[in-house]
């Protein structure tokens, strides 16, 4: 993930991350004080390369606050983010999400 102050730097970071490595852009979270976090997912080496490139790109056009890579992110965390974004979490029990 790459955290910036300002949307422009976040867009630059996301663009560089997706162009540099085979990663999937998972989320772009805007919070108070103009903080924007861009999250990508993929193989660890690909994510590391993407985060390095995203951090450099963000720093060129704005303020880079932090970069971080979490290898093997827990599935529950991913599902929590998906639920917060309004996407239904994946079900592994074969149900369709309907209550009886």
PDB file of N, CA and C in Angstrom:
ATOM      1  N   UNK A   1       0.837  -1.164   0.000  1.00  0.00           N
ATOM      2  CA  UNK A   1       0.000   0.000   0.000  1.00  0.00           C
ATOM      3  C   UNK A   1       0.883   1.228   0.000  1.00  0.00           C
ATOM      4  N   UNK A   2       0.343   2.292  -0.574  1.00  0.00           N
ATOM      5  CA  UNK A   2       1.017   3.579  -0.626  1.00  0.00           C
ATOM      6  C   UNK A   2       0.060   4.610  -0.046  1.00  0.00           C
ATOM      7  N   UNK A   3       0.556   5.406   0.890  1.00  0.00           N
ATOM      8  CA  UNK A   3      -0.272   6.455   1.479  1.00  0.00           C
ATOM      9  C   UNK A   3       0.317   7.810   1.112  1.00  0.00           C
ATOM     10  N   UNK A   4      -0.547   8.704   0.632  1.00  0.00           N
ATOM     11  CA  UNK A   4      -0.125  10.031   0.195  1.00  0.00           C
ATOM     12  C   UNK A   4      -0.967  11.098   0.867  1.00  0.00           C
ATOM     13  N   UNK A   5      -0.504  12.321   0.749  1.00  0.00           N
ATOM     14  CA  UNK A   5      -1.349  13.454   1.105  1.00  0.00           C
ATOM     15  C   UNK A   5      -1.735  14.099  -0.221  1.00  0.00           C
ATOM     16  N   UNK A   6      -3.002  13.975  -0.564  1.00  0.00           N
ATOM     17  CA  UNK A   6      -3.502  14.542  -1.811  1.00  0.00           C
ATOM     18  C   UNK A   6      -3.841  13.473  -2.839  1.00  0.00           C
ATOM     19  N   UNK A   7      -4.871  13.775  -3.597  1.00  0.00           N
ATOM     20  CA  UNK A   7      -5.384  12.814  -4.561  1.00  0.00           C
ATOM     21  C   UNK A   7      -4.473  12.654  -5.775  1.00  0.00           C
ATOM     22  N   UNK A   8      -3.863  13.744  -6.231  1.00  0.00           N
ATOM     23  CA  UNK A   8      -2.995  13.679  -7.402  1.00  0.00           C
ATOM     24  C   UNK A   8      -1.848  12.694  -7.183  1.00  0.00           C
ATOM     25  N   UNK A   9      -1.204  12.777  -6.037  1.00  0.00           N
ATOM     26  CA  UNK A   9      -0.101  11.859  -5.740  1.00  0.00           C
ATOM     27  C   UNK A   9      -0.595  10.416  -5.699  1.00  0.00           C
ATOM     28  N   UNK A  10      -1.802  10.206  -5.200  1.00  0.00           N
ATOM     29  CA  UNK A  10      -2.365   8.855  -5.136  1.00  0.00           C
ATOM     30  C   UNK A  10      -2.639   8.304  -6.536  1.00  0.00           C
ATOM     31  N   UNK A  11      -3.135   9.148  -7.415  1.00  0.00           N
ATOM     32  CA  UNK A  11      -3.391   8.705  -8.792  1.00  0.00           C
ATOM     33  C   UNK A  11      -2.077   8.354  -9.477  1.00  0.00           C
ATOM     34  N   UNK A  12      -1.063   9.175  -9.287  1.00  0.00           N
ATOM     35  CA  UNK A  12       0.264   8.879  -9.843  1.00  0.00           C
ATOM     36  C   UNK A  12       0.788   7.555  -9.313  1.00  0.00           C
ATOM     37  N   UNK A  13       0.628   7.345  -8.001  1.00  0.00           N
ATOM     38  CA  UNK A  13       1.098   6.105  -7.386  1.00  0.00           C
ATOM     39  C   UNK A  13       0.361   4.901  -7.977  1.00  0.00           C
ATOM     40  N   UNK A  14      -0.961   4.979  -8.055  1.00  0.00           N
ATOM     41  CA  UNK A  14      -1.761   3.865  -8.581  1.00  0.00           C
ATOM     42  C   UNK A  14      -1.381   3.552 -10.018  1.00  0.00           C
ATOM     43  N   UNK A  15      -1.198   4.587 -10.820  1.00  0.00           N
ATOM     44  CA  UNK A  15      -0.824   4.405 -12.219  1.00  0.00           C
ATOM     45  C   UNK A  15       0.538   3.719 -12.326  1.00  0.00           C
ATOM     46  N   UNK A  16       1.506   4.209 -11.576  1.00  0.00           N
ATOM     47  CA  UNK A  16       2.845   3.611 -11.610  1.00  0.00           C
ATOM     48  C   UNK A  16       2.821   2.176 -11.107  1.00  0.00           C
ATOM     49  N   UNK A  17       2.053   1.910 -10.074  1.00  0.00           N
ATOM     50  CA  UNK A  17       1.986   0.565  -9.503  1.00  0.00           C
ATOM     51  C   UNK A  17       1.437  -0.429 -10.521  1.00  0.00           C
ATOM     52  N   UNK A  18       0.364  -0.044 -11.193  1.00  0.00           N
ATOM     53  CA  UNK A  18      -0.271  -0.950 -12.152  1.00  0.00           C
ATOM     54  C   UNK A  18       0.549  -1.116 -13.433  1.00  0.00           C
ATOM     55  N   UNK A  19       1.326  -0.090 -13.795  1.00  0.00           N
ATOM     56  CA  UNK A  19       2.168  -0.176 -14.991  1.00  0.00           C
ATOM     57  C   UNK A  19       3.459  -0.937 -14.730  1.00  0.00           C
ATOM     58  N   UNK A  20       3.929  -0.930 -13.498  1.00  0.00           N
ATOM     59  CA  UNK A  20       5.218  -1.524 -13.166  1.00  0.00           C
ATOM     60  C   UNK A  20       5.150  -3.029 -12.980  1.00  0.00           C
ATOM     61  N   UNK A  21       4.087  -3.508 -12.391  1.00  0.00           N
ATOM     62  CA  UNK A  21       4.035  -4.924 -12.022  1.00  0.00           C
ATOM     63  C   UNK A  21       2.649  -5.494 -12.264  1.00  0.00           C
ATOM     64  N   UNK A  22       2.595  -6.803 -12.241  1.00  0.00           N
ATOM     65  CA  UNK A  22       1.325  -7.504 -12.428  1.00  0.00           C
ATOM     66  C   UNK A  22       0.583  -7.548 -11.092  1.00  0.00           C
ATOM     67  N   UNK A  23      -0.108  -6.449 -10.780  1.00  0.00           N
ATOM     68  CA  UNK A  23      -0.871  -6.335  -9.541  1.00  0.00           C
ATOM     69  C   UNK A  23      -2.296  -5.907  -9.870  1.00  0.00           C
ATOM     70  N   UNK A  24      -3.177  -6.140  -8.932  1.00  0.00           N
ATOM     71  CA  UNK A  24      -4.572  -5.737  -9.072  1.00  0.00           C
ATOM     72  C   UNK A  24      -4.835  -4.576  -8.119  1.00  0.00           C
ATOM     73  N   UNK A  25      -5.352  -3.492  -8.639  1.00  0.00           N
ATOM     74  CA  UNK A  25      -5.715  -2.349  -7.810  1.00  0.00           C
ATOM     75  C   UNK A  25      -6.960  -2.732  -7.022  1.00  0.00           C
ATOM     76  N   UNK A  26      -6.815  -2.815  -5.703  1.00  0.00           N
ATOM     77  CA  UNK A  26      -7.899  -3.295  -4.861  1.00  0.00           C
ATOM     78  C   UNK A  26      -8.756  -2.180  -4.287  1.00  0.00           C
ATOM     79  N   UNK A  27      -8.113  -1.086  -3.922  1.00  0.00           N
ATOM     80  CA  UNK A  27      -8.864  -0.066  -3.198  1.00  0.00           C
ATOM     81  C   UNK A  27      -8.084   1.239  -3.177  1.00  0.00           C
ATOM     82  N   UNK A  28      -8.840   2.322  -3.202  1.00  0.00           N
ATOM     83  CA  UNK A  28      -8.281   3.654  -3.008  1.00  0.00           C
ATOM     84  C   UNK A  28      -9.160   4.312  -1.952  1.00  0.00           C
ATOM     85  N   UNK A  29      -8.591   4.556  -0.792  1.00  0.00           N
ATOM     86  CA  UNK A  29      -9.353   5.043   0.355  1.00  0.00           C
ATOM     87  C   UNK A  29      -8.955   6.483   0.658  1.00  0.00           C
ATOM     88  N   UNK A  30      -9.927   7.376   0.643  1.00  0.00           N
ATOM     89  CA  UNK A  30      -9.694   8.778   0.975  1.00  0.00           C
ATOM     90  C   UNK A  30     -10.215   9.015   2.387  1.00  0.00           C
ATOM     91  N   UNK A  31      -9.339   9.538   3.253  1.00  0.00           N
ATOM     92  CA  UNK A  31      -9.734   9.835   4.622  1.00  0.00           C
ATOM     93  C   UNK A  31      -9.461  11.301   4.917  1.00  0.00           C
ATOM     94  N   UNK A  32      -9.693  11.704   6.132  1.00  0.00           N
ATOM     95  CA  UNK A  32      -9.539  13.116   6.480  1.00  0.00           C
ATOM     96  C   UNK A  32      -8.100  13.590   6.301  1.00  0.00           C
ATOM     97  N   UNK A  33      -7.941  14.894   6.329  1.00  0.00           N
ATOM     98  CA  UNK A  33      -6.637  15.541   6.159  1.00  0.00           C
ATOM     99  C   UNK A  33      -5.999  15.220   4.819  1.00  0.00           C
ATOM    100  N   UNK A  34      -6.801  14.943   3.828  1.00  0.00           N
ATOM    101  CA  UNK A  34      -6.339  14.679   2.461  1.00  0.00           C
ATOM    102  C   UNK A  34      -5.449  13.449   2.343  1.00  0.00           C
ATOM    103  N   UNK A  35      -5.556  12.536   3.280  1.00  0.00           N
ATOM    104  CA  UNK A  35      -4.785  11.294   3.206  1.00  0.00           C
ATOM    105  C   UNK A  35      -5.496  10.320   2.272  1.00  0.00           C
ATOM    106  N   UNK A  36      -4.716   9.730   1.379  1.00  0.00           N
ATOM    107  CA  UNK A  36      -5.262   8.760   0.435  1.00  0.00           C
ATOM    108  C   UNK A  36      -4.376   7.520   0.478  1.00  0.00           C
ATOM    109  N   UNK A  37      -5.000   6.362   0.628  1.00  0.00           N
ATOM    110  CA  UNK A  37      -4.268   5.096   0.641  1.00  0.00           C
ATOM    111  C   UNK A  37      -4.667   4.286  -0.574  1.00  0.00           C
ATOM    112  N   UNK A  38      -3.675   3.814  -1.304  1.00  0.00           N
ATOM    113  CA  UNK A  38      -3.888   2.987  -2.487  1.00  0.00           C
ATOM    114  C   UNK A  38      -3.397   1.582  -2.147  1.00  0.00           C
ATOM    115  N   UNK A  39      -4.253   0.591  -2.358  1.00  0.00           N
ATOM    116  CA  UNK A  39      -3.934  -0.793  -2.005  1.00  0.00           C
ATOM    117  C   UNK A  39      -3.959  -1.648  -3.264  1.00  0.00           C
ATOM    118  N   UNK A  40      -2.889  -2.435  -3.447  1.00  0.00           N
ATOM    119  CA  UNK A  40      -2.824  -3.382  -4.564  1.00  0.00           C
ATOM    120  C   UNK A  40      -2.629  -4.778  -4.008  1.00  0.00           C
ATOM    121  N   UNK A  41      -2.898  -5.768  -4.843  1.00  0.00           N
ATOM    122  CA  UNK A  41      -2.763  -7.164  -4.437  1.00  0.00           C
ATOM    123  C   UNK A  41      -2.096  -7.935  -5.556  1.00  0.00           C
ATOM    124  N   UNK A  42      -1.304  -8.927  -5.188  1.00  0.00           N
ATOM    125  CA  UNK A  42      -0.629  -9.776  -6.166  1.00  0.00           C
ATOM    126  C   UNK A  42       0.442 -10.597  -5.487  1.00  0.00           C
ATOM    127  N   UNK A  43       1.313 -11.181  -6.287  1.00  0.00           N
ATOM    128  CA  UNK A  43       2.447 -11.936  -5.744  1.00  0.00           C
ATOM    129  C   UNK A  43       3.346 -10.976  -4.982  1.00  0.00           C
ATOM    130  N   UNK A  44       3.985 -11.450  -3.930  1.00  0.00           N
ATOM    131  CA  UNK A  44       4.764 -10.587  -3.043  1.00  0.00           C
ATOM    132  C   UNK A  44       5.817  -9.791  -3.808  1.00  0.00           C
ATOM    133  N   UNK A  45       6.591 -10.431  -4.663  1.00  0.00           N
ATOM    134  CA  UNK A  45       7.633  -9.723  -5.408  1.00  0.00           C
ATOM    135  C   UNK A  45       7.038  -8.648  -6.315  1.00  0.00           C
ATOM    136  N   UNK A  46       5.902  -8.953  -6.917  1.00  0.00           N
ATOM    137  CA  UNK A  46       5.234  -7.984  -7.794  1.00  0.00           C
ATOM    138  C   UNK A  46       4.724  -6.788  -6.988  1.00  0.00           C
ATOM    139  N   UNK A  47       4.139  -7.074  -5.827  1.00  0.00           N
ATOM    140  CA  UNK A  47       3.628  -6.003  -4.969  1.00  0.00           C
ATOM    141  C   UNK A  47       4.779  -5.137  -4.461  1.00  0.00           C
ATOM    142  N   UNK A  48       5.892  -5.761  -4.084  1.00  0.00           N
ATOM    143  CA  UNK A  48       7.043  -4.980  -3.620  1.00  0.00           C
ATOM    144  C   UNK A  48       7.546  -4.039  -4.701  1.00  0.00           C
ATOM    145  N   UNK A  49       7.656  -4.528  -5.932  1.00  0.00           N
ATOM    146  CA  UNK A  49       8.098  -3.680  -7.042  1.00  0.00           C
ATOM    147  C   UNK A  49       7.095  -2.567  -7.302  1.00  0.00           C
ATOM    148  N   UNK A  50       5.817  -2.904  -7.252  1.00  0.00           N
ATOM    149  CA  UNK A  50       4.770  -1.909  -7.499  1.00  0.00           C
ATOM    150  C   UNK A  50       4.772  -0.822  -6.430  1.00  0.00           C
ATOM    151  N   UNK A  51       4.926  -1.213  -5.181  1.00  0.00           N
ATOM    152  CA  UNK A  51       4.911  -0.242  -4.084  1.00  0.00           C
ATOM    153  C   UNK A  51       6.128   0.688  -4.168  1.00  0.00           C
ATOM    154  N   UNK A  52       7.286   0.136  -4.517  1.00  0.00           N
ATOM    155  CA  UNK A  52       8.472   0.996  -4.699  1.00  0.00           C
ATOM    156  C   UNK A  52       8.225   2.025  -5.791  1.00  0.00           C
ATOM    157  N   UNK A  53       7.709   1.574  -6.924  1.00  0.00           N
ATOM    158  CA  UNK A  53       7.451   2.480  -8.041  1.00  0.00           C
ATOM    159  C   UNK A  53       6.365   3.489  -7.691  1.00  0.00           C
ATOM    160  N   UNK A  54       5.322   3.037  -7.015  1.00  0.00           N
ATOM    161  CA  UNK A  54       4.245   3.936  -6.613  1.00  0.00           C
ATOM    162  C   UNK A  54       4.713   4.992  -5.640  1.00  0.00           C
ATOM    163  N   UNK A  55       5.575   4.610  -4.707  1.00  0.00           N
ATOM    164  CA  UNK A  55       6.122   5.562  -3.754  1.00  0.00           C
ATOM    165  C   UNK A  55       6.968   6.625  -4.436  1.00  0.00           C
ATOM    166  N   UNK A  56       7.813   6.197  -5.382  1.00  0.00           N
ATOM    167  CA  UNK A  56       8.637   7.165  -6.128  1.00  0.00           C
ATOM    168  C   UNK A  56       7.772   8.124  -6.924  1.00  0.00           C
ATOM    169  N   UNK A  57       6.755   7.587  -7.602  1.00  0.00           N
ATOM    170  CA  UNK A  57       5.883   8.426  -8.427  1.00  0.00           C
ATOM    171  C   UNK A  57       5.107   9.423  -7.579  1.00  0.00           C
ATOM    172  N   UNK A  58       4.601   8.972  -6.456  1.00  0.00           N
ATOM    173  CA  UNK A  58       3.843   9.866  -5.570  1.00  0.00           C
ATOM    174  C   UNK A  58       4.736  10.978  -5.043  1.00  0.00           C
ATOM    175  N   UNK A  59       5.957  10.646  -4.675  1.00  0.00           N
ATOM    176  CA  UNK A  59       6.886  11.627  -4.139  1.00  0.00           C
ATOM    177  C   UNK A  59       7.311  12.679  -5.146  1.00  0.00           C
ATOM    178  N   UNK A  60       7.259  12.345  -6.433  1.00  0.00           N
ATOM    179  CA  UNK A  60       7.627  13.313  -7.476  1.00  0.00           C
ATOM    180  C   UNK A  60       6.591  14.419  -7.634  1.00  0.00           C
ATOM    181  N   UNK A  61       5.319  14.089  -7.421  1.00  0.00           N
ATOM    182  CA  UNK A  61       4.261  15.078  -7.691  1.00  0.00           C
ATOM    183  C   UNK A  61       3.538  15.571  -6.441  1.00  0.00           C
ATOM    184  N   UNK A  62       3.810  14.960  -5.309  1.00  0.00           N
ATOM    185  CA  UNK A  62       3.106  15.338  -4.088  1.00  0.00           C
ATOM    186  C   UNK A  62       3.833  14.832  -2.870  1.00  0.00           C
ATOM    187  N   UNK A  63       3.087  14.585  -1.804  1.00  0.00           N
ATOM    188  CA  UNK A  63       3.684  14.158  -0.546  1.00  0.00           C
ATOM    189  C   UNK A  63       3.428  12.679  -0.299  1.00  0.00           C
ATOM    190  N   UNK A  64       4.500  11.922  -0.227  1.00  0.00           N
ATOM    191  CA  UNK A  64       4.423  10.508   0.120  1.00  0.00           C
ATOM    192  C   UNK A  64       4.477  10.396   1.634  1.00  0.00           C
ATOM    193  N   UNK A  65       3.486   9.755   2.232  1.00  0.00           N
ATOM    194  CA  UNK A  65       3.461   9.593   3.687  1.00  0.00           C
ATOM    195  C   UNK A  65       4.028   8.256   4.123  1.00  0.00           C
ATOM    196  N   UNK A  66       3.707   7.185   3.404  1.00  0.00           N
ATOM    197  CA  UNK A  66       4.182   5.864   3.816  1.00  0.00           C
ATOM    198  C   UNK A  66       4.000   4.857   2.691  1.00  0.00           C
ATOM    199  N   UNK A  67       4.802   3.803   2.743  1.00  0.00           N
ATOM    200  CA  UNK A  67       4.601   2.625   1.897  1.00  0.00           C
ATOM    201  C   UNK A  67       4.720   1.409   2.804  1.00  0.00           C
ATOM    202  N   UNK A  68       4.014   0.350   2.440  1.00  0.00           N
ATOM    203  CA  UNK A  68       4.065  -0.857   3.255  1.00  0.00           C
ATOM    204  C   UNK A  68       3.592  -2.044   2.432  1.00  0.00           C
ATOM    205  N   UNK A  69       4.234  -3.174   2.635  1.00  0.00           N
ATOM    206  CA  UNK A  69       3.836  -4.428   1.985  1.00  0.00           C
ATOM    207  C   UNK A  69       3.524  -5.438   3.078  1.00  0.00           C
ATOM    208  N   UNK A  70       2.365  -6.079   2.979  1.00  0.00           N
ATOM    209  CA  UNK A  70       1.971  -7.127   3.919  1.00  0.00           C
ATOM    210  C   UNK A  70       1.905  -8.441   3.138  1.00  0.00           C
ATOM    211  N   UNK A  71       2.898  -9.311   3.310  1.00  0.00           N
ATOM    212  CA  UNK A  71       2.846 -10.601   2.614  1.00  0.00           C
ATOM    213  C   UNK A  71       1.712 -11.466   3.158  1.00  0.00           C
ATOM    214  N   UNK A  72       1.012 -12.129   2.272  1.00  0.00           N
ATOM    215  CA  UNK A  72      -0.053 -13.073   2.637  1.00  0.00           C
ATOM    216  C   UNK A  72      -1.082 -12.449   3.568  1.00  0.00           C
ATOM    217  N   UNK A  73      -1.716 -11.393   3.109  1.00  0.00           N
ATOM    218  CA  UNK A  73      -2.747 -10.714   3.889  1.00  0.00           C
ATOM    219  C   UNK A  73      -3.863 -11.693   4.247  1.00  0.00           C
ATOM    220  N   UNK A  74      -4.272 -11.676   5.484  1.00  0.00           N
ATOM    221  CA  UNK A  74      -5.319 -12.572   5.980  1.00  0.00           C
ATOM    222  C   UNK A  74      -6.606 -12.378   5.176  1.00  0.00           C
ATOM    223  N   UNK A  75      -7.242 -13.467   4.805  1.00  0.00           N
ATOM    224  CA  UNK A  75      -8.460 -13.437   3.996  1.00  0.00           C
ATOM    225  C   UNK A  75      -9.567 -12.633   4.665  1.00  0.00           C
ATOM    226  N   UNK A  76      -9.680 -12.705   5.975  1.00  0.00           N
ATOM    227  CA  UNK A  76     -10.716 -11.958   6.691  1.00  0.00           C
ATOM    228  C   UNK A  76     -10.545 -10.454   6.512  1.00  0.00           C
ATOM    229  N   UNK A  77      -9.309  -9.989   6.416  1.00  0.00           N
ATOM    230  CA  UNK A  77      -9.059  -8.561   6.215  1.00  0.00           C
ATOM    231  C   UNK A  77      -9.551  -8.141   4.831  1.00  0.00           C
ATOM    232  N   UNK A  78      -9.257  -8.947   3.828  1.00  0.00           N
ATOM    233  CA  UNK A  78      -9.708  -8.649   2.464  1.00  0.00           C
ATOM    234  C   UNK A  78     -11.234  -8.624   2.422  1.00  0.00           C
ATOM    235  N   UNK A  79     -11.874  -9.592   3.044  1.00  0.00           N
ATOM    236  CA  UNK A  79     -13.333  -9.640   3.056  1.00  0.00           C
ATOM    237  C   UNK A  79     -13.928  -8.453   3.796  1.00  0.00           C
ATOM    238  N   UNK A  80     -13.280  -8.006   4.841  1.00  0.00           N
ATOM    239  CA  UNK A  80     -13.731  -6.828   5.583  1.00  0.00           C
ATOM    240  C   UNK A  80     -13.690  -5.599   4.684  1.00  0.00           C
ATOM    241  N   UNK A  81     -12.604  -5.441   3.915  1.00  0.00           N
ATOM    242  CA  UNK A  81     -12.495  -4.306   2.991  1.00  0.00           C
ATOM    243  C   UNK A  81     -13.578  -4.377   1.923  1.00  0.00           C
ATOM    244  N   UNK A  82     -13.819  -5.580   1.409  1.00  0.00           N
ATOM    245  CA  UNK A  82     -14.847  -5.726   0.386  1.00  0.00           C
ATOM    246  C   UNK A  82     -16.218  -5.368   0.943  1.00  0.00           C
ATOM    247  N   UNK A  83     -16.500  -5.777   2.152  1.00  0.00           N
ATOM    248  CA  UNK A  83     -17.784  -5.455   2.780  1.00  0.00           C
ATOM    249  C   UNK A  83     -17.916  -3.948   2.994  1.00  0.00           C
ATOM    250  N   UNK A  84     -16.834  -3.304   3.398  1.00  0.00           N
ATOM    251  CA  UNK A  84     -16.860  -1.857   3.605  1.00  0.00           C
ATOM    252  C   UNK A  84     -17.071  -1.106   2.296  1.00  0.00           C
ATOM    253  N   UNK A  85     -16.645  -1.702   1.196  1.00  0.00           N
ATOM    254  CA  UNK A  85     -16.809  -1.073  -0.121  1.00  0.00           C
ATOM    255  C   UNK A  85     -18.159  -1.412  -0.745  1.00  0.00           C
ATOM    256  N   UNK A  86     -18.976  -2.176  -0.029  1.00  0.00           N
ATOM    257  CA  UNK A  86     -20.297  -2.519  -0.541  1.00  0.00           C
ATOM    258  C   UNK A  86     -20.323  -3.772  -1.386  1.00  0.00           C
ATOM    259  N   UNK A  87     -19.232  -4.521  -1.395  1.00  0.00           N
ATOM    260  CA  UNK A  87     -19.186  -5.769  -2.138  1.00  0.00           C
ATOM    261  C   UNK A  87     -19.456  -6.909  -1.178  1.00  0.00           C
ATOM    262  N   UNK A  88     -20.199  -7.894  -1.625  1.00  0.00           N
ATOM    263  CA  UNK A  88     -20.503  -9.045  -0.768  1.00  0.00           C
ATOM    264  C   UNK A  88     -19.263  -9.883  -0.570  1.00  0.00           C
ATOM    265  N   UNK A  89     -18.991 -10.296   0.655  1.00  0.00           N
ATOM    266  CA  UNK A  89     -17.856 -11.183   0.888  1.00  0.00           C
ATOM    267  C   UNK A  89     -18.082 -12.537   0.237  1.00  0.00           C
ATOM    268  N   UNK A  90     -16.984 -13.182  -0.146  1.00  0.00           N
ATOM    269  CA  UNK A  90     -17.095 -14.508  -0.744  1.00  0.00           C
ATOM    270  C   UNK A  90     -17.567 -15.508   0.295  1.00  0.00           C
ATOM    271  N   UNK A  91     -18.464 -16.378  -0.129  1.00  0.00           N
ATOM    272  CA  UNK A  91     -18.961 -17.413   0.775  1.00  0.00           C
ATOM    273  C   UNK A  91     -18.361 -18.740   0.347  1.00  0.00           C
ATOM    274  N   UNK A  92     -17.904 -19.497   1.326  1.00  0.00           N
ATOM    275  CA  UNK A  92     -17.297 -20.786   1.020  1.00  0.00           C
ATOM    276  C   UNK A  92     -18.195 -21.943   1.405  1.00  0.00           C
ATOM    277  N   UNK A  93     -19.370 -21.642   2.008  1.00  0.00           N
ATOM    278  CA  UNK A  93     -20.252 -22.709   2.463  1.00  0.00           C
ATOM    279  C   UNK A  93     -21.287 -23.113   1.423  1.00  0.00           C
ATOM    280  N   UNK A  94     -21.223 -22.510   0.232  1.00  0.00           N
ATOM    281  CA  UNK A  94     -22.155 -22.849  -0.821  1.00  0.00           C
ATOM    282  C   UNK A  94     -23.477 -22.112  -0.751  1.00  0.00           C
ATOM    283  N   UNK A  95     -23.704 -21.299   0.278  1.00  0.00           N
ATOM    284  CA  UNK A  95     -24.963 -20.570   0.381  1.00  0.00           C
ATOM    285  C   UNK A  95     -24.976 -19.399  -0.579  1.00  0.00           C
ATOM    286  N   UNK A  96     -26.129 -18.839  -0.813  1.00  0.00           N
ATOM    287  CA  UNK A  96     -26.267 -17.705  -1.709  1.00  0.00           C
ATOM    288  C   UNK A  96     -26.469 -16.409  -0.952  1.00  0.00           C
ATOM    289  N   UNK A  97     -26.240 -16.407   0.344  1.00  0.00           N
ATOM    290  CA  UNK A  97     -26.364 -15.187   1.117  1.00  0.00           C
ATOM    291  C   UNK A  97     -27.779 -14.853   1.546  1.00  0.00           C
ATOM    292  N   UNK A  98     -28.690 -15.768   1.351  1.00  0.00           N
ATOM    293  CA  UNK A  98     -30.081 -15.534   1.751  1.00  0.00           C
ATOM    294  C   UNK A  98     -30.353 -16.211   3.079  1.00  0.00           C
ATOM    295  N   UNK A  99     -31.107 -15.553   3.909  1.00  0.00           N
ATOM    296  CA  UNK A  99     -31.476 -16.193   5.170  1.00  0.00           C
ATOM    297  C   UNK A  99     -32.772 -16.952   4.993  1.00  0.00           C
ATOM    298  N   UNK A 100     -32.978 -17.952   5.831  1.00  0.00           N
ATOM    299  CA  UNK A 100     -34.170 -18.809   5.716  1.00  0.00           C
ATOM    300  C   UNK A 100     -35.386 -18.141   6.278  1.00  0.00           C
TER     301      UNK A 100
END
